[in-house]
Structures are given as structure tokens and as C-alpha cells.
């Protein structure tokens, strides 16, 4: 089975799983695949939003569960906790939406907001809005990238796999650099 067949068969599942945790690179790749007609852009956006929403709800619930006695692996969050607490106090629901776009707070943000005792229903509403917006923006960027390549390069069908690899490599490199800094 070739890569394109695998992409068409498991692409939406990969988007769901990838966006549950982080997902920017996965969404850019899926948007690019949609520009190549291997996936549907609206399906990518909806699946990406679902994965992001479910992931953040899970992390929020995790934070809520451990707010009184956080386990050792959550105790590394104090530096971010105070910053997020100030942002939540100042901006409320808007910060839940914005955290999705802030590197380093994608997972820590919902955990900390859950630890702060933020109301569940308010978090869910803002999280849904943020997940849809984030998924649409990032997926569309990948789609636009693919369309730009199509218009720039007359025929790059045979280079498609290389481009997918370069997008993945770029995402990993970005993550490693940010992690190191």
C-alpha cells in the first residue's frame, strides 16, 4: 500500500489523534493533503477541531481532578500557573481561545485552568470556539501552501511525498528548537 492510499484511509484518524495533543504540523500536512484532493478540507477542519476540543477537555478535567493535590509530574507548572491565572482573571473566556495559539501553553493551559477551578461549561464553550478557529486557520494555511505550490510549480505530483516529508521535518525541527530554547 502506498503513502497516498494510507493517507486517504487513515488521514482523518491521524488528524484526530495528532490534534488531541498538539497538532499544528499534522493540520498543516492535512491541509496540504486537502489541496491535493487526498482529503476534504472541511473534513480536516472538523476532525482537527474535534481532536483539539476533546484533548483540551481531557487536560482541563485532569487539572480539575488534581487541583488540591497535584501529582509530581504536574508540579512543574508553577511558573506558568501564575501567568495563566493573571490572564484568566483579566481576559476570561478569550484567554481559553487564545491559549491554543500560544506555544508552550497548548497542554499546560487547560490543565492549569482546570486546577484554578474555572467553570466547566464556560471552558467547554470557549474551548469549542477556539478549537474550530484554530483548526480552520492552521488547516487553511496548509491548504494555501499546497495551492501556492500548485500555481508556482506546474507539475509537482511526483514530489508530493518529499513535500509531506519536508513539512513533517519542519514541524519536528521547530518543536525541537522551541523545546531547547
Foldseek 3Di string as FASTA:
>chain_A
DDPLVCCLVCVLVCLLVLLLQQHLLSLLLVLLCCLVVSDPLVSSLVSSLNSLLNSLLVLLVQLLVCLVPNDPVLVVCPVVLVVLVVVCVVPNLVVLLVLSVDPPRSRVVSSSCSSVVPDSVSSSVSSSVSSSVVSNVSSNNSNVVNVVCVVVDVDCPVCSVVVSVVSVVVVVVVVVVVVVD
